[in-house]
Amino acid sequence: SLRTGRTYTIASIIPDITNPYYPLLERKIQDVAKQHGYVHVTYNTDGIAKEEIRCLQAVQQIRVDGVFGSFFHVQPDDLRPLIEKNIAVVSLVAAREPVPDFPLDMLYVDNVAAACTAVTYLVEHGHTRIAMIGGLEVAVGQKRTEGYRQALAQCGIPIAHELVRHGDFTEAGGYREMQALLQITPRPTAVFTANDLMALGALFAIKENGLSVPGDVAIVGFDDIPTSRLVSPPLTTIRKSQDLIGQRAVEMILE
């Protein structure tokens, strides 16, 4: 490493290793990195701003060659010290918003369009009173909530503000917010959640109240984690391919 100036190490910085979406993503990154002779290390931030910054400092100290980041709070300027040290950085972002005069490579998932598709699907199945469990504290939640609002507007359905709840992207958060939604009269006949963990929590809350899915309340999630296929009924969800994102992340770092 001293001779070549390279460590042949790639780091991932992710918000929650216990969320089933991320281990599959990390496995793909590890597999592709290994094929090219690189080792892979993972940092977990719990989606906390100071932890994201601490992990960025850590990867500079161990001198990795590249970093893949899925951040809730980090801004482009926070990544400047890595790029100035010739560390390749690829960031998974919630929206394709150009960063002027800054060489940051970004992987982009169209969260607005995907959420709009999910809610439109519910409208096409006859639902007009559709709730949303999102999360405005992070960009990805904001974009998926924007897609929810966009779909309702396009379908000519007024937005009922009492039906828009903000969870924390955990199963417990989805359960809590669904319990609150079920207290509203008239209750929603469908709910779109910003990720699958909250959808699973909502599913448990609905069944706990003696209601059926999708007979009484339909649910659509986001991510397509493996658990979504194991519940009854299997969860309808937006697939965000971990394999495709993980492979492209490593390819972009190596390029």
C-alpha atoms as a PDB file:
ATOM      1  CA  SER A   1       0.000   0.000   0.000  1.00  0.00           C
ATOM      2  CA  LEU A   2       2.849   2.390   0.811  1.00  0.00           C
ATOM      3  CA  ARG A   3       4.421   1.685  -2.574  1.00  0.00           C
ATOM      4  CA  THR A   4       1.276   1.941  -4.696  1.00  0.00           C
ATOM      5  CA  GLY A   5      -0.683   4.490  -2.685  1.00  0.00           C
ATOM      6  CA  ARG A   6      -3.681   2.144  -2.768  1.00  0.00           C
ATOM      7  CA  THR A   7      -5.244  -0.061  -0.105  1.00  0.00           C
ATOM      8  CA  TYR A   8      -7.579  -2.048  -2.369  1.00  0.00           C
ATOM      9  CA  THR A   9     -10.346  -1.384   0.142  1.00  0.00           C
ATOM     10  CA  ILE A  10     -13.872  -0.102  -0.531  1.00  0.00           C
ATOM     11  CA  ALA A  11     -16.104   1.146   2.283  1.00  0.00           C
ATOM     12  CA  SER A  12     -19.896   1.331   2.473  1.00  0.00           C
ATOM     13  CA  ILE A  13     -21.662   3.757   4.796  1.00  0.00           C
ATOM     14  CA  ILE A  14     -25.299   2.770   5.303  1.00  0.00           C
ATOM     15  CA  PRO A  15     -28.072   3.874   7.703  1.00  0.00           C
ATOM     16  CA  ASP A  16     -29.337   0.574   9.124  1.00  0.00           C
ATOM     17  CA  ILE A  17     -27.770  -2.867   8.779  1.00  0.00           C
ATOM     18  CA  THR A  18     -30.836  -4.418  10.475  1.00  0.00           C
ATOM     19  CA  ASN A  19     -33.102  -3.224   7.659  1.00  0.00           C
ATOM     20  CA  PRO A  20     -33.275  -6.307   5.372  1.00  0.00           C
ATOM     21  CA  TYR A  21     -32.777  -4.109   2.309  1.00  0.00           C
ATOM     22  CA  TYR A  22     -29.169  -3.263   3.152  1.00  0.00           C
ATOM     23  CA  PRO A  23     -27.542  -6.679   3.777  1.00  0.00           C
ATOM     24  CA  LEU A  24     -28.496  -7.754   0.236  1.00  0.00           C
ATOM     25  CA  LEU A  25     -27.050  -4.526  -1.150  1.00  0.00           C
ATOM     26  CA  GLU A  26     -23.870  -4.960   0.888  1.00  0.00           C
ATOM     27  CA  ARG A  27     -23.482  -8.552  -0.253  1.00  0.00           C
ATOM     28  CA  LYS A  28     -23.588  -7.478  -3.888  1.00  0.00           C
ATOM     29  CA  ILE A  29     -21.031  -4.727  -3.268  1.00  0.00           C
ATOM     30  CA  GLN A  30     -18.765  -7.234  -1.518  1.00  0.00           C
ATOM     31  CA  ASP A  31     -19.086  -9.808  -4.313  1.00  0.00           C
ATOM     32  CA  VAL A  32     -18.304  -7.332  -7.101  1.00  0.00           C
ATOM     33  CA  ALA A  33     -15.449  -5.762  -5.118  1.00  0.00           C
ATOM     34  CA  LYS A  34     -13.945  -9.208  -4.510  1.00  0.00           C
ATOM     35  CA  GLN A  35     -14.031  -9.976  -8.232  1.00  0.00           C
ATOM     36  CA  HIS A  36     -11.768  -6.972  -8.771  1.00  0.00           C
ATOM     37  CA  GLY A  37      -9.370  -7.772  -5.910  1.00  0.00           C
ATOM     38  CA  TYR A  38     -10.811  -5.383  -3.355  1.00  0.00           C
ATOM     39  CA  VAL A  39     -11.896  -5.990   0.228  1.00  0.00           C
ATOM     40  CA  HIS A  40     -15.045  -4.364   1.559  1.00  0.00           C
ATOM     41  CA  VAL A  41     -15.877  -2.856   4.944  1.00  0.00           C
ATOM     42  CA  THR A  42     -19.244  -1.584   6.175  1.00  0.00           C
ATOM     43  CA  TYR A  43     -20.112   1.272   8.531  1.00  0.00           C
ATOM     44  CA  ASN A  44     -23.568   1.623  10.125  1.00  0.00           C
ATOM     45  CA  THR A  45     -24.810   5.121  11.005  1.00  0.00           C
ATOM     46  CA  ASP A  46     -28.337   4.490  12.352  1.00  0.00           C
ATOM     47  CA  GLY A  47     -29.316   7.429  10.132  1.00  0.00           C
ATOM     48  CA  ILE A  48     -27.810   9.859  12.675  1.00  0.00           C
ATOM     49  CA  ALA A  49     -26.122  12.963  11.286  1.00  0.00           C
ATOM     50  CA  LYS A  50     -23.113  12.956  13.632  1.00  0.00           C
ATOM     51  CA  GLU A  51     -22.548   9.241  12.966  1.00  0.00           C
ATOM     52  CA  GLU A  52     -22.497   9.850   9.215  1.00  0.00           C
ATOM     53  CA  ILE A  53     -19.794  12.490   9.710  1.00  0.00           C
ATOM     54  CA  ARG A  54     -17.849  10.240  12.091  1.00  0.00           C
ATOM     55  CA  CYS A  55     -17.842   7.439   9.512  1.00  0.00           C
ATOM     56  CA  LEU A  56     -16.599   9.819   6.814  1.00  0.00           C
ATOM     57  CA  GLN A  57     -13.709  10.735   9.121  1.00  0.00           C
ATOM     58  CA  ALA A  58     -13.015   7.062   9.814  1.00  0.00           C
ATOM     59  CA  VAL A  59     -12.718   6.078   6.152  1.00  0.00           C
ATOM     60  CA  GLN A  60     -10.219   8.881   5.644  1.00  0.00           C
ATOM     61  CA  GLN A  61      -8.119   7.596   8.518  1.00  0.00           C
ATOM     62  CA  ILE A  62      -7.926   4.023   7.205  1.00  0.00           C
ATOM     63  CA  ARG A  63      -7.285   5.376   3.687  1.00  0.00           C
ATOM     64  CA  VAL A  64      -9.841   3.438   1.650  1.00  0.00           C
ATOM     65  CA  ASP A  65      -9.713   3.788  -2.135  1.00  0.00           C
ATOM     66  CA  GLY A  66     -13.456   4.275  -2.563  1.00  0.00           C
ATOM     67  CA  VAL A  67     -16.632   4.964  -0.612  1.00  0.00           C
ATOM     68  CA  PHE A  68     -20.251   4.132  -1.346  1.00  0.00           C
ATOM     69  CA  GLY A  69     -22.670   6.111   0.802  1.00  0.00           C
ATOM     70  CA  SER A  70     -26.386   5.943   1.474  1.00  0.00           C
ATOM     71  CA  PHE A  71     -26.814   9.067   3.562  1.00  0.00           C
ATOM     72  CA  PHE A  72     -29.741  10.716   5.308  1.00  0.00           C
ATOM     73  CA  HIS A  73     -27.991  13.927   6.333  1.00  0.00           C
ATOM     74  CA  VAL A  74     -24.588  14.290   4.626  1.00  0.00           C
ATOM     75  CA  GLN A  75     -24.354  17.142   2.136  1.00  0.00           C
ATOM     76  CA  PRO A  76     -22.030  17.317  -0.903  1.00  0.00           C
ATOM     77  CA  ASP A  77     -19.640  19.686   0.896  1.00  0.00           C
ATOM     78  CA  ASP A  78     -19.176  17.072   3.635  1.00  0.00           C
ATOM     79  CA  LEU A  79     -17.706  14.765   0.970  1.00  0.00           C
ATOM     80  CA  ARG A  80     -15.236  17.318  -0.375  1.00  0.00           C
ATOM     81  CA  PRO A  81     -12.350  16.282   1.955  1.00  0.00           C
ATOM     82  CA  LEU A  82     -12.537  12.696   0.632  1.00  0.00           C
ATOM     83  CA  ILE A  83     -12.561  13.757  -3.008  1.00  0.00           C
ATOM     84  CA  GLU A  84      -9.644  16.137  -2.416  1.00  0.00           C
ATOM     85  CA  LYS A  85      -7.700  13.129  -1.076  1.00  0.00           C
ATOM     86  CA  ASN A  86      -8.435  11.253  -4.312  1.00  0.00           C
ATOM     87  CA  ILE A  87     -10.905   8.873  -2.641  1.00  0.00           C
ATOM     88  CA  ALA A  88     -13.570   7.848  -5.139  1.00  0.00           C
ATOM     89  CA  VAL A  89     -17.054   8.593  -3.780  1.00  0.00           C
ATOM     90  CA  VAL A  90     -20.407   7.348  -5.068  1.00  0.00           C
ATOM     91  CA  SER A  91     -23.515   8.525  -3.240  1.00  0.00           C
ATOM     92  CA  LEU A  92     -27.004   7.019  -3.475  1.00  0.00           C
ATOM     93  CA  VAL A  93     -29.317  10.017  -3.635  1.00  0.00           C
ATOM     94  CA  ALA A  94     -33.051  10.576  -3.338  1.00  0.00           C
ATOM     95  CA  ALA A  95     -33.306  12.922  -6.317  1.00  0.00           C
ATOM     96  CA  ARG A  96     -31.247  13.770  -9.378  1.00  0.00           C
ATOM     97  CA  GLU A  97     -30.236  17.281  -8.435  1.00  0.00           C
ATOM     98  CA  PRO A  98     -26.964  18.461 -10.007  1.00  0.00           C
ATOM     99  CA  VAL A  99     -24.217  19.768  -7.752  1.00  0.00           C
ATOM    100  CA  PRO A 100     -22.574  22.735  -9.516  1.00  0.00           C
ATOM    101  CA  ASP A 101     -18.778  22.640  -9.912  1.00  0.00           C
ATOM    102  CA  PHE A 102     -18.411  19.540  -7.764  1.00  0.00           C
ATOM    103  CA  PRO A 103     -17.178  16.164  -9.058  1.00  0.00           C
ATOM    104  CA  LEU A 104     -19.543  13.925  -7.092  1.00  0.00           C
ATOM    105  CA  ASP A 105     -20.792  10.718  -8.710  1.00  0.00           C
ATOM    106  CA  MET A 106     -24.365   9.864  -7.791  1.00  0.00           C
ATOM    107  CA  LEU A 107     -26.613   6.832  -8.132  1.00  0.00           C
ATOM    108  CA  TYR A 108     -30.183   7.960  -8.520  1.00  0.00           C
ATOM    109  CA  VAL A 109     -33.504   6.235  -7.887  1.00  0.00           C
ATOM    110  CA  ASP A 110     -36.553   8.173  -9.091  1.00  0.00           C
ATOM    111  CA  ASN A 111     -38.428   8.087  -5.799  1.00  0.00           C
ATOM    112  CA  VAL A 112     -41.091  10.543  -6.927  1.00  0.00           C
ATOM    113  CA  ALA A 113     -42.036   8.539 -10.024  1.00  0.00           C
ATOM    114  CA  ALA A 114     -41.933   5.225  -8.135  1.00  0.00           C
ATOM    115  CA  ALA A 115     -44.182   6.494  -5.342  1.00  0.00           C
ATOM    116  CA  CYS A 116     -46.537   8.036  -7.895  1.00  0.00           C
ATOM    117  CA  THR A 117     -46.774   4.642  -9.629  1.00  0.00           C
ATOM    118  CA  ALA A 118     -47.580   2.891  -6.338  1.00  0.00           C
ATOM    119  CA  VAL A 119     -50.372   5.298  -5.388  1.00  0.00           C
ATOM    120  CA  THR A 120     -51.795   5.332  -8.908  1.00  0.00           C
ATOM    121  CA  TYR A 121     -51.980   1.527  -8.692  1.00  0.00           C
ATOM    122  CA  LEU A 122     -54.157   1.873  -5.583  1.00  0.00           C
ATOM    123  CA  VAL A 123     -56.419   4.406  -7.315  1.00  0.00           C
ATOM    124  CA  GLU A 124     -56.799   2.040 -10.264  1.00  0.00           C
ATOM    125  CA  HIS A 125     -58.051  -0.576  -7.805  1.00  0.00           C
ATOM    126  CA  GLY A 126     -60.849   1.727  -6.685  1.00  0.00           C
ATOM    127  CA  HIS A 127     -59.307   3.481  -3.680  1.00  0.00           C
ATOM    128  CA  THR A 128     -59.805   7.201  -3.119  1.00  0.00           C
ATOM    129  CA  ARG A 129     -59.132   7.467   0.611  1.00  0.00           C
ATOM    130  CA  ILE A 130     -55.434   6.607   0.573  1.00  0.00           C
ATOM    131  CA  ALA A 131     -53.113   7.251   3.523  1.00  0.00           C
ATOM    132  CA  MET A 132     -49.362   7.757   3.458  1.00  0.00           C
ATOM    133  CA  ILE A 133     -46.818   6.754   6.095  1.00  0.00           C
ATOM    134  CA  GLY A 134     -43.661   8.557   5.076  1.00  0.00           C
ATOM    135  CA  GLY A 135     -40.883  10.509   6.740  1.00  0.00           C
ATOM    136  CA  LEU A 136     -40.230  14.164   5.970  1.00  0.00           C
ATOM    137  CA  GLU A 137     -37.093  14.326   8.101  1.00  0.00           C
ATOM    138  CA  VAL A 138     -34.991  12.695   5.350  1.00  0.00           C
ATOM    139  CA  ALA A 139     -34.809  13.387   1.618  1.00  0.00           C
ATOM    140  CA  VAL A 140     -35.976   9.942   0.525  1.00  0.00           C
ATOM    141  CA  GLY A 141     -39.123  10.297   2.632  1.00  0.00           C
ATOM    142  CA  GLN A 142     -39.752  13.750   1.243  1.00  0.00           C
ATOM    143  CA  LYS A 143     -39.502  12.533  -2.356  1.00  0.00           C
ATOM    144  CA  ARG A 144     -41.778   9.543  -1.803  1.00  0.00           C
ATOM    145  CA  THR A 145     -44.321  11.782  -0.095  1.00  0.00           C
ATOM    146  CA  GLU A 146     -44.070  14.139  -3.063  1.00  0.00           C
ATOM    147  CA  GLY A 147     -44.858  11.208  -5.371  1.00  0.00           C
ATOM    148  CA  TYR A 148     -47.886  10.337  -3.232  1.00  0.00           C
ATOM    149  CA  ARG A 149     -49.214  13.889  -3.489  1.00  0.00           C
ATOM    150  CA  GLN A 150     -48.464  14.024  -7.215  1.00  0.00           C
ATOM    151  CA  ALA A 151     -50.442  10.836  -7.885  1.00  0.00           C
ATOM    152  CA  LEU A 152     -53.496  12.061  -5.981  1.00  0.00           C
ATOM    153  CA  ALA A 153     -53.379  15.392  -7.804  1.00  0.00           C
ATOM    154  CA  GLN A 154     -53.135  13.687 -11.199  1.00  0.00           C
ATOM    155  CA  CYS A 155     -56.112  11.484 -10.322  1.00  0.00           C
ATOM    156  CA  GLY A 156     -58.179  14.448  -9.113  1.00  0.00           C
ATOM    157  CA  ILE A 157     -58.317  13.234  -5.499  1.00  0.00           C
ATOM    158  CA  PRO A 158     -58.078  15.908  -2.785  1.00  0.00           C
ATOM    159  CA  ILE A 159     -55.274  15.376  -0.249  1.00  0.00           C
ATOM    160  CA  ALA A 160     -56.631  14.692   3.233  1.00  0.00           C
ATOM    161  CA  HIS A 161     -53.856  16.021   5.465  1.00  0.00           C
ATOM    162  CA  GLU A 162     -54.941  13.875   8.412  1.00  0.00           C
ATOM    163  CA  LEU A 163     -54.061  10.817   6.324  1.00  0.00           C
ATOM    164  CA  VAL A 164     -50.407  11.825   5.893  1.00  0.00           C
ATOM    165  CA  ARG A 165     -48.338  10.429   8.772  1.00  0.00           C
ATOM    166  CA  HIS A 166     -44.585  10.496   9.312  1.00  0.00           C
ATOM    167  CA  GLY A 167     -42.901   7.350  10.566  1.00  0.00           C
ATOM    168  CA  ASP A 168     -39.247   6.595  11.166  1.00  0.00           C
ATOM    169  CA  PHE A 169     -38.681   3.868   8.543  1.00  0.00           C
ATOM    170  CA  THR A 170     -38.934   1.133  11.183  1.00  0.00           C
ATOM    171  CA  GLU A 171     -41.499  -1.608  11.709  1.00  0.00           C
ATOM    172  CA  ALA A 172     -42.436  -0.039  15.053  1.00  0.00           C
ATOM    173  CA  GLY A 173     -42.974   3.318  13.355  1.00  0.00           C
ATOM    174  CA  GLY A 174     -45.282   1.809  10.755  1.00  0.00           C
ATOM    175  CA  TYR A 175     -47.253   0.011  13.455  1.00  0.00           C
ATOM    176  CA  ARG A 176     -47.608   3.195  15.519  1.00  0.00           C
ATOM    177  CA  GLU A 177     -48.720   5.397  12.630  1.00  0.00           C
ATOM    178  CA  MET A 178     -51.159   2.786  11.300  1.00  0.00           C
ATOM    179  CA  GLN A 179     -52.779   2.541  14.718  1.00  0.00           C
ATOM    180  CA  ALA A 180     -53.314   6.297  14.586  1.00  0.00           C
ATOM    181  CA  LEU A 181     -54.752   6.133  11.068  1.00  0.00           C
ATOM    182  CA  LEU A 182     -57.257   3.466  12.100  1.00  0.00           C
ATOM    183  CA  GLN A 183     -58.706   5.870  14.673  1.00  0.00           C
ATOM    184  CA  ILE A 184     -59.740   8.318  11.950  1.00  0.00           C
ATOM    185  CA  THR A 185     -63.354   8.307  10.726  1.00  0.00           C
ATOM    186  CA  PRO A 186     -63.802   7.362   7.994  1.00  0.00           C
ATOM    187  CA  ARG A 187     -60.660   5.295   8.072  1.00  0.00           C
ATOM    188  CA  PRO A 188     -58.458   4.966   4.958  1.00  0.00           C
ATOM    189  CA  THR A 189     -59.129   2.032   2.654  1.00  0.00           C
ATOM    190  CA  ALA A 190     -55.489   1.920   1.495  1.00  0.00           C
ATOM    191  CA  VAL A 191     -52.065   3.014   2.679  1.00  0.00           C
ATOM    192  CA  PHE A 192     -48.769   3.613   0.907  1.00  0.00           C
ATOM    193  CA  THR A 193     -45.647   3.412   3.075  1.00  0.00           C
ATOM    194  CA  ALA A 194     -42.211   4.835   2.298  1.00  0.00           C
ATOM    195  CA  ASN A 195     -40.518   1.499   2.955  1.00  0.00           C
ATOM    196  CA  ASP A 196     -41.366  -2.156   3.518  1.00  0.00           C
ATOM    197  CA  LEU A 197     -40.516  -2.214   7.225  1.00  0.00           C
ATOM    198  CA  MET A 198     -43.206   0.383   7.914  1.00  0.00           C
ATOM    199  CA  ALA A 199     -45.569  -1.556   5.625  1.00  0.00           C
ATOM    200  CA  LEU A 200     -45.039  -4.691   7.729  1.00  0.00           C
ATOM    201  CA  GLY A 201     -45.713  -2.730  10.914  1.00  0.00           C
ATOM    202  CA  ALA A 202     -48.890  -1.340   9.347  1.00  0.00           C
ATOM    203  CA  LEU A 203     -49.956  -4.852   8.325  1.00  0.00           C
ATOM    204  CA  PHE A 204     -49.614  -6.107  11.887  1.00  0.00           C
ATOM    205  CA  ALA A 205     -51.605  -3.129  13.229  1.00  0.00           C
ATOM    206  CA  ILE A 206     -54.434  -3.737  10.761  1.00  0.00           C
ATOM    207  CA  LYS A 207     -54.688  -7.420  11.642  1.00  0.00           C
ATOM    208  CA  GLU A 208     -54.479  -6.666  15.356  1.00  0.00           C
ATOM    209  CA  ASN A 209     -57.605  -4.536  14.945  1.00  0.00           C
ATOM    210  CA  GLY A 210     -59.502  -7.446  13.417  1.00  0.00           C
ATOM    211  CA  LEU A 211     -59.326  -6.116   9.863  1.00  0.00           C
ATOM    212  CA  SER A 212     -58.148  -7.884   6.730  1.00  0.00           C
ATOM    213  CA  VAL A 213     -55.598  -7.008   4.071  1.00  0.00           C
ATOM    214  CA  PRO A 214     -56.482  -6.151   1.353  1.00  0.00           C
ATOM    215  CA  GLY A 215     -60.226  -6.577   2.053  1.00  0.00           C
ATOM    216  CA  ASP A 216     -60.519  -3.748   4.589  1.00  0.00           C
ATOM    217  CA  VAL A 217     -57.232  -1.894   4.037  1.00  0.00           C
ATOM    218  CA  ALA A 218     -54.833  -2.379   1.114  1.00  0.00           C
ATOM    219  CA  ILE A 219     -51.089  -1.786   1.556  1.00  0.00           C
ATOM    220  CA  VAL A 220     -48.264  -0.961  -0.846  1.00  0.00           C
ATOM    221  CA  GLY A 221     -44.665  -0.749   0.383  1.00  0.00           C
ATOM    222  CA  PHE A 222     -41.320   0.261  -1.096  1.00  0.00           C
ATOM    223  CA  ASP A 223     -38.009  -1.693  -1.465  1.00  0.00           C
ATOM    224  CA  ASP A 224     -39.117  -5.328  -1.979  1.00  0.00           C
ATOM    225  CA  ILE A 225     -37.192  -6.785   0.967  1.00  0.00           C
ATOM    226  CA  PRO A 226     -37.272 -10.609   1.197  1.00  0.00           C
ATOM    227  CA  THR A 227     -39.646 -10.541   4.191  1.00  0.00           C
ATOM    228  CA  SER A 228     -42.314  -8.915   2.028  1.00  0.00           C
ATOM    229  CA  ARG A 229     -42.912 -12.275   0.347  1.00  0.00           C
ATOM    230  CA  LEU A 230     -43.220 -14.200   3.611  1.00  0.00           C
ATOM    231  CA  VAL A 231     -46.148 -12.371   5.238  1.00  0.00           C
ATOM    232  CA  SER A 232     -49.764 -13.228   4.532  1.00  0.00           C
ATOM    233  CA  PRO A 233     -50.842 -11.908   2.151  1.00  0.00           C
ATOM    234  CA  PRO A 234     -47.494 -11.204   0.407  1.00  0.00           C
ATOM    235  CA  LEU A 235     -46.798  -7.481   0.373  1.00  0.00           C
ATOM    236  CA  THR A 236     -47.330  -5.482  -2.816  1.00  0.00           C
ATOM    237  CA  THR A 237     -44.235  -3.308  -3.084  1.00  0.00           C
ATOM    238  CA  ILE A 238     -41.971  -1.261  -5.339  1.00  0.00           C
ATOM    239  CA  ARG A 239     -38.811  -3.206  -6.223  1.00  0.00           C
ATOM    240  CA  LYS A 240     -35.580  -1.251  -5.805  1.00  0.00           C
ATOM    241  CA  SER A 241     -32.946  -3.678  -7.070  1.00  0.00           C
ATOM    242  CA  GLN A 242     -30.132  -4.160  -4.558  1.00  0.00           C
ATOM    243  CA  ASP A 243     -28.145  -6.199  -7.101  1.00  0.00           C
ATOM    244  CA  LEU A 244     -28.259  -3.520  -9.765  1.00  0.00           C
ATOM    245  CA  ILE A 245     -27.430  -0.675  -7.354  1.00  0.00           C
ATOM    246  CA  GLY A 246     -24.607  -2.616  -5.671  1.00  0.00           C
ATOM    247  CA  GLN A 247     -22.970  -3.646  -8.924  1.00  0.00           C
ATOM    248  CA  ARG A 248     -23.198  -0.187 -10.434  1.00  0.00           C
ATOM    249  CA  ALA A 249     -21.825   1.399  -7.249  1.00  0.00           C
ATOM    250  CA  VAL A 250     -18.618  -0.651  -7.412  1.00  0.00           C
ATOM    251  CA  GLU A 251     -18.283  -0.156 -11.157  1.00  0.00           C
ATOM    252  CA  MET A 252     -18.536   3.614 -10.728  1.00  0.00           C
ATOM    253  CA  ILE A 253     -15.963   3.594  -7.908  1.00  0.00           C
ATOM    254  CA  LEU A 254     -13.486   1.594 -10.017  1.00  0.00           C
ATOM    255  CA  GLU A 255     -14.098   3.799 -13.065  1.00  0.00           C
END
